[in-house]
Amino acid sequence: MAKESMKAREVKRAKLVKQFAERKATLKAEAKELAKNGESAYEVYQKLQKFPKNASRIRMHNRCSITGRPKGYIRQFGISRIQFREMASAGLIPGVKKASW
């Protein structure tokens, strides 16, 4: 079970990513356009550097929606492998048969 502070940190990062996503996209497009024209995009990249580090979507972690576990995450279901196994054994995930695991 993940600590509540770790879960809260991920929520905070998700909010920052959402808040800065549009501004980052416009600045990156502007830099790409300047580079295409052969001009320097140095000032644009300086503006991008001033954004908070946690505003980058790369810094977000996938976590199990039930336990908050960061490792063994299955994207298709949004849960960790352990929860997937428990739910499949209990018959809560339709279409999954228990093989030999």
N, C-alpha and C. Protein backbone atom coordinates (compact mmCIF):
# COMPACT_ATOMS: atom_id res chain seq x y z
N MET A 1 0.84 -1.17 0.00
CA MET A 1 0.00 0.00 0.00
C MET A 1 0.89 1.24 0.00
N ALA A 2 0.63 2.15 -0.90
CA ALA A 2 1.44 3.36 -1.01
C ALA A 2 1.07 4.35 0.09
N LYS A 3 2.03 5.16 0.45
CA LYS A 3 1.77 6.19 1.44
C LYS A 3 0.82 7.22 0.85
N GLU A 4 0.03 7.82 1.70
CA GLU A 4 -0.91 8.85 1.25
C GLU A 4 -0.17 10.04 0.67
N SER A 5 1.01 10.35 1.20
CA SER A 5 1.77 11.48 0.69
C SER A 5 2.25 11.24 -0.74
N MET A 6 2.57 9.97 -1.06
CA MET A 6 3.00 9.64 -2.42
C MET A 6 1.84 9.77 -3.39
N LYS A 7 0.66 9.32 -2.97
CA LYS A 7 -0.52 9.46 -3.81
C LYS A 7 -0.85 10.93 -4.04
N ALA A 8 -0.75 11.73 -2.98
CA ALA A 8 -1.04 13.15 -3.08
C ALA A 8 -0.05 13.85 -4.00
N ARG A 9 1.21 13.42 -3.96
CA ARG A 9 2.23 13.99 -4.83
C ARG A 9 1.90 13.74 -6.30
N GLU A 10 1.41 12.55 -6.60
CA GLU A 10 1.03 12.22 -7.97
C GLU A 10 -0.16 13.05 -8.44
N VAL A 11 -1.11 13.28 -7.55
CA VAL A 11 -2.27 14.11 -7.89
C VAL A 11 -1.81 15.54 -8.19
N LYS A 12 -0.90 16.03 -7.37
CA LYS A 12 -0.37 17.38 -7.55
C LYS A 12 0.37 17.50 -8.89
N ARG A 13 1.17 16.48 -9.22
CA ARG A 13 1.88 16.47 -10.50
C ARG A 13 0.91 16.46 -11.67
N ALA A 14 -0.15 15.67 -11.55
CA ALA A 14 -1.14 15.59 -12.64
C ALA A 14 -1.79 16.95 -12.87
N LYS A 15 -2.08 17.68 -11.80
CA LYS A 15 -2.66 19.01 -11.94
C LYS A 15 -1.70 19.97 -12.63
N LEU A 16 -0.42 19.90 -12.25
CA LEU A 16 0.57 20.78 -12.88
C LEU A 16 0.74 20.46 -14.36
N VAL A 17 0.76 19.19 -14.69
CA VAL A 17 0.91 18.79 -16.09
C VAL A 17 -0.25 19.34 -16.90
N LYS A 18 -1.45 19.19 -16.37
CA LYS A 18 -2.64 19.67 -17.06
C LYS A 18 -2.61 21.19 -17.22
N GLN A 19 -2.15 21.88 -16.19
CA GLN A 19 -2.11 23.34 -16.18
C GLN A 19 -1.14 23.89 -17.22
N PHE A 20 0.02 23.25 -17.38
CA PHE A 20 1.05 23.79 -18.25
C PHE A 20 1.10 23.13 -19.63
N ALA A 21 0.27 22.16 -19.89
CA ALA A 21 0.34 21.40 -21.15
C ALA A 21 0.14 22.28 -22.37
N GLU A 22 -0.84 23.13 -22.36
CA GLU A 22 -1.13 23.96 -23.53
C GLU A 22 -0.01 24.97 -23.78
N ARG A 23 0.48 25.60 -22.71
CA ARG A 23 1.57 26.58 -22.88
C ARG A 23 2.84 25.93 -23.40
N LYS A 24 3.14 24.73 -22.88
CA LYS A 24 4.33 24.01 -23.34
C LYS A 24 4.20 23.64 -24.81
N ALA A 25 3.02 23.21 -25.20
CA ALA A 25 2.79 22.80 -26.60
C ALA A 25 2.97 23.98 -27.55
N THR A 26 2.45 25.15 -27.16
CA THR A 26 2.59 26.31 -28.04
C THR A 26 4.04 26.76 -28.14
N LEU A 27 4.76 26.73 -27.02
CA LEU A 27 6.17 27.12 -27.05
C LEU A 27 7.00 26.14 -27.87
N LYS A 28 6.72 24.85 -27.75
CA LYS A 28 7.46 23.86 -28.54
C LYS A 28 7.17 24.02 -30.02
N ALA A 29 5.91 24.31 -30.37
CA ALA A 29 5.57 24.53 -31.77
C ALA A 29 6.28 25.77 -32.31
N GLU A 30 6.36 26.79 -31.49
CA GLU A 30 7.05 28.03 -31.87
C GLU A 30 8.53 27.76 -32.09
N ALA A 31 9.14 26.99 -31.22
CA ALA A 31 10.56 26.66 -31.35
C ALA A 31 10.81 25.84 -32.61
N LYS A 32 9.91 24.91 -32.89
CA LYS A 32 10.05 24.08 -34.09
C LYS A 32 9.95 24.94 -35.35
N GLU A 33 9.04 25.90 -35.33
CA GLU A 33 8.87 26.80 -36.48
C GLU A 33 10.11 27.67 -36.68
N LEU A 34 10.67 28.17 -35.60
CA LEU A 34 11.89 28.98 -35.69
C LEU A 34 13.05 28.15 -36.24
N ALA A 35 13.16 26.92 -35.76
CA ALA A 35 14.24 26.04 -36.23
C ALA A 35 14.08 25.71 -37.71
N LYS A 36 12.83 25.56 -38.14
CA LYS A 36 12.57 25.27 -39.55
C LYS A 36 13.00 26.44 -40.44
N ASN A 37 12.84 27.66 -39.94
CA ASN A 37 13.22 28.85 -40.70
C ASN A 37 14.70 29.19 -40.57
N GLY A 38 15.43 28.41 -39.80
CA GLY A 38 16.86 28.63 -39.64
C GLY A 38 17.21 29.69 -38.61
N GLU A 39 16.24 30.09 -37.79
CA GLU A 39 16.50 31.10 -36.75
C GLU A 39 16.78 30.40 -35.42
N SER A 40 17.30 31.18 -34.48
CA SER A 40 17.63 30.62 -33.17
C SER A 40 16.39 30.60 -32.28
N ALA A 41 16.16 29.48 -31.62
CA ALA A 41 15.02 29.33 -30.72
C ALA A 41 15.47 29.37 -29.27
N TYR A 42 16.61 29.97 -29.03
CA TYR A 42 17.21 29.99 -27.70
C TYR A 42 16.28 30.62 -26.66
N GLU A 43 15.66 31.76 -26.99
CA GLU A 43 14.79 32.45 -26.04
C GLU A 43 13.56 31.61 -25.69
N VAL A 44 13.04 30.91 -26.69
CA VAL A 44 11.88 30.06 -26.46
C VAL A 44 12.23 28.93 -25.50
N TYR A 45 13.39 28.32 -25.71
CA TYR A 45 13.80 27.23 -24.83
C TYR A 45 14.11 27.74 -23.42
N GLN A 46 14.55 28.97 -23.30
CA GLN A 46 14.76 29.55 -21.98
C GLN A 46 13.43 29.69 -21.23
N LYS A 47 12.38 30.07 -21.97
CA LYS A 47 11.05 30.15 -21.35
C LYS A 47 10.58 28.77 -20.90
N LEU A 48 10.84 27.76 -21.72
CA LEU A 48 10.46 26.40 -21.35
C LEU A 48 11.20 25.92 -20.11
N GLN A 49 12.45 26.33 -19.95
CA GLN A 49 13.24 25.93 -18.80
C GLN A 49 12.71 26.51 -17.50
N LYS A 50 11.96 27.62 -17.58
CA LYS A 50 11.46 28.27 -16.37
C LYS A 50 10.20 27.62 -15.82
N PHE A 51 9.60 26.69 -16.56
CA PHE A 51 8.44 25.98 -16.06
C PHE A 51 8.87 25.07 -14.91
N PRO A 52 7.96 24.75 -13.98
CA PRO A 52 8.31 23.83 -12.89
C PRO A 52 8.69 22.45 -13.43
N LYS A 53 9.59 21.78 -12.75
CA LYS A 53 10.01 20.44 -13.18
C LYS A 53 8.85 19.47 -13.18
N ASN A 54 7.98 19.57 -12.20
CA ASN A 54 6.86 18.65 -12.10
C ASN A 54 5.76 18.91 -13.12
N ALA A 55 5.93 19.93 -13.96
CA ALA A 55 4.96 20.21 -15.02
C ALA A 55 5.20 19.32 -16.23
N SER A 56 6.25 18.52 -16.19
CA SER A 56 6.54 17.60 -17.28
C SER A 56 5.80 16.29 -17.06
N ARG A 57 5.15 15.79 -18.12
CA ARG A 57 4.39 14.55 -17.97
C ARG A 57 5.29 13.34 -17.79
N ILE A 58 6.57 13.49 -18.10
CA ILE A 58 7.53 12.41 -17.92
C ILE A 58 7.71 12.08 -16.44
N ARG A 59 7.54 13.05 -15.57
CA ARG A 59 7.77 12.84 -14.14
C ARG A 59 6.61 12.15 -13.43
N MET A 60 5.50 11.94 -14.13
CA MET A 60 4.35 11.26 -13.52
C MET A 60 4.59 9.75 -13.52
N HIS A 61 4.08 9.09 -12.51
CA HIS A 61 4.18 7.64 -12.39
C HIS A 61 2.79 7.04 -12.52
N ASN A 62 2.72 5.88 -13.13
CA ASN A 62 1.46 5.14 -13.14
C ASN A 62 1.35 4.42 -11.81
N ARG A 63 0.19 4.51 -11.19
CA ARG A 63 -0.03 3.85 -9.91
C ARG A 63 -1.33 3.08 -9.95
N CYS A 64 -1.37 1.99 -9.25
CA CYS A 64 -2.58 1.18 -9.13
C CYS A 64 -3.68 2.05 -8.52
N SER A 65 -4.86 2.03 -9.12
CA SER A 65 -5.95 2.86 -8.62
C SER A 65 -6.52 2.34 -7.31
N ILE A 66 -6.24 1.09 -6.97
CA ILE A 66 -6.77 0.52 -5.73
C ILE A 66 -5.76 0.65 -4.60
N THR A 67 -4.53 0.20 -4.83
CA THR A 67 -3.54 0.18 -3.76
C THR A 67 -2.53 1.32 -3.84
N GLY A 68 -2.36 1.91 -5.01
CA GLY A 68 -1.37 2.96 -5.18
C GLY A 68 0.01 2.43 -5.48
N ARG A 69 0.13 1.14 -5.73
CA ARG A 69 1.43 0.50 -6.00
C ARG A 69 1.98 0.99 -7.34
N PRO A 70 3.25 1.45 -7.38
CA PRO A 70 3.80 1.98 -8.62
C PRO A 70 4.40 0.94 -9.55
N LYS A 71 4.71 -0.23 -9.02
CA LYS A 71 5.37 -1.25 -9.85
C LYS A 71 4.38 -2.32 -10.28
N GLY A 72 4.65 -2.94 -11.41
CA GLY A 72 3.78 -3.99 -11.91
C GLY A 72 2.43 -3.47 -12.35
N TYR A 73 2.41 -2.28 -12.93
CA TYR A 73 1.18 -1.60 -13.33
C TYR A 73 0.73 -2.11 -14.70
N ILE A 74 -0.55 -2.47 -14.82
CA ILE A 74 -1.12 -2.90 -16.10
C ILE A 74 -1.99 -1.75 -16.61
N ARG A 75 -1.55 -1.09 -17.68
CA ARG A 75 -2.22 0.09 -18.19
C ARG A 75 -3.66 -0.16 -18.62
N GLN A 76 -3.89 -1.26 -19.28
CA GLN A 76 -5.21 -1.56 -19.81
C GLN A 76 -6.28 -1.58 -18.73
N PHE A 77 -5.91 -1.99 -17.52
CA PHE A 77 -6.86 -2.09 -16.43
C PHE A 77 -6.67 -1.00 -15.37
N GLY A 78 -5.52 -0.35 -15.36
CA GLY A 78 -5.27 0.71 -14.39
C GLY A 78 -4.98 0.20 -12.99
N ILE A 79 -4.56 -1.07 -12.89
CA ILE A 79 -4.27 -1.66 -11.59
C ILE A 79 -2.94 -2.41 -11.66
N SER A 80 -2.43 -2.78 -10.48
CA SER A 80 -1.17 -3.52 -10.44
C SER A 80 -1.42 -5.00 -10.74
N ARG A 81 -0.34 -5.71 -11.00
CA ARG A 81 -0.44 -7.13 -11.36
C ARG A 81 -1.01 -7.94 -10.20
N ILE A 82 -0.71 -7.55 -8.99
CA ILE A 82 -1.19 -8.28 -7.82
C ILE A 82 -2.71 -8.13 -7.69
N GLN A 83 -3.20 -6.90 -7.83
CA GLN A 83 -4.64 -6.68 -7.77
C GLN A 83 -5.34 -7.36 -8.93
N PHE A 84 -4.71 -7.34 -10.10
CA PHE A 84 -5.29 -8.01 -11.26
C PHE A 84 -5.48 -9.49 -10.97
N ARG A 85 -4.46 -10.09 -10.40
CA ARG A 85 -4.51 -11.53 -10.11
C ARG A 85 -5.60 -11.84 -9.08
N GLU A 86 -5.68 -11.02 -8.05
CA GLU A 86 -6.70 -11.24 -7.03
C GLU A 86 -8.10 -11.08 -7.59
N MET A 87 -8.30 -10.06 -8.41
CA MET A 87 -9.61 -9.80 -8.99
C MET A 87 -9.99 -10.88 -10.01
N ALA A 88 -9.01 -11.35 -10.77
CA ALA A 88 -9.27 -12.41 -11.76
C ALA A 88 -9.64 -13.71 -11.04
N SER A 89 -8.95 -14.00 -9.96
CA SER A 89 -9.26 -15.22 -9.21
C SER A 89 -10.64 -15.16 -8.58
N ALA A 90 -11.06 -13.95 -8.20
CA ALA A 90 -12.38 -13.78 -7.60
C ALA A 90 -13.49 -13.69 -8.65
N GLY A 91 -13.10 -13.65 -9.93
CA GLY A 91 -14.08 -13.58 -11.01
C GLY A 91 -14.62 -12.19 -11.26
N LEU A 92 -13.90 -11.15 -10.81
CA LEU A 92 -14.36 -9.78 -10.98
C LEU A 92 -13.97 -9.17 -12.33
N ILE A 93 -13.07 -9.80 -13.04
CA ILE A 93 -12.66 -9.31 -14.36
C ILE A 93 -13.22 -10.29 -15.40
N PRO A 94 -14.18 -9.86 -16.19
CA PRO A 94 -14.80 -10.78 -17.16
C PRO A 94 -13.83 -11.15 -18.28
N GLY A 95 -13.91 -12.39 -18.71
CA GLY A 95 -13.11 -12.86 -19.84
C GLY A 95 -11.73 -13.33 -19.49
N VAL A 96 -11.38 -13.35 -18.21
CA VAL A 96 -10.06 -13.80 -17.79
C VAL A 96 -10.20 -15.16 -17.13
N LYS A 97 -9.51 -16.13 -17.67
CA LYS A 97 -9.52 -17.48 -17.09
C LYS A 97 -8.21 -17.70 -16.38
N LYS A 98 -8.28 -18.39 -15.28
CA LYS A 98 -7.06 -18.71 -14.54
C LYS A 98 -6.36 -19.87 -15.22
N ALA A 99 -5.18 -19.60 -15.72
CA ALA A 99 -4.35 -20.65 -16.26
C ALA A 99 -3.50 -21.17 -15.10
N SER A 100 -2.27 -21.50 -15.35
CA SER A 100 -1.42 -21.92 -14.24
C SER A 100 -0.52 -20.75 -13.88
N TRP A 101 -0.90 -20.02 -12.91
CA TRP A 101 -0.06 -18.91 -12.44
C TRP A 101 0.13 -19.13 -11.01
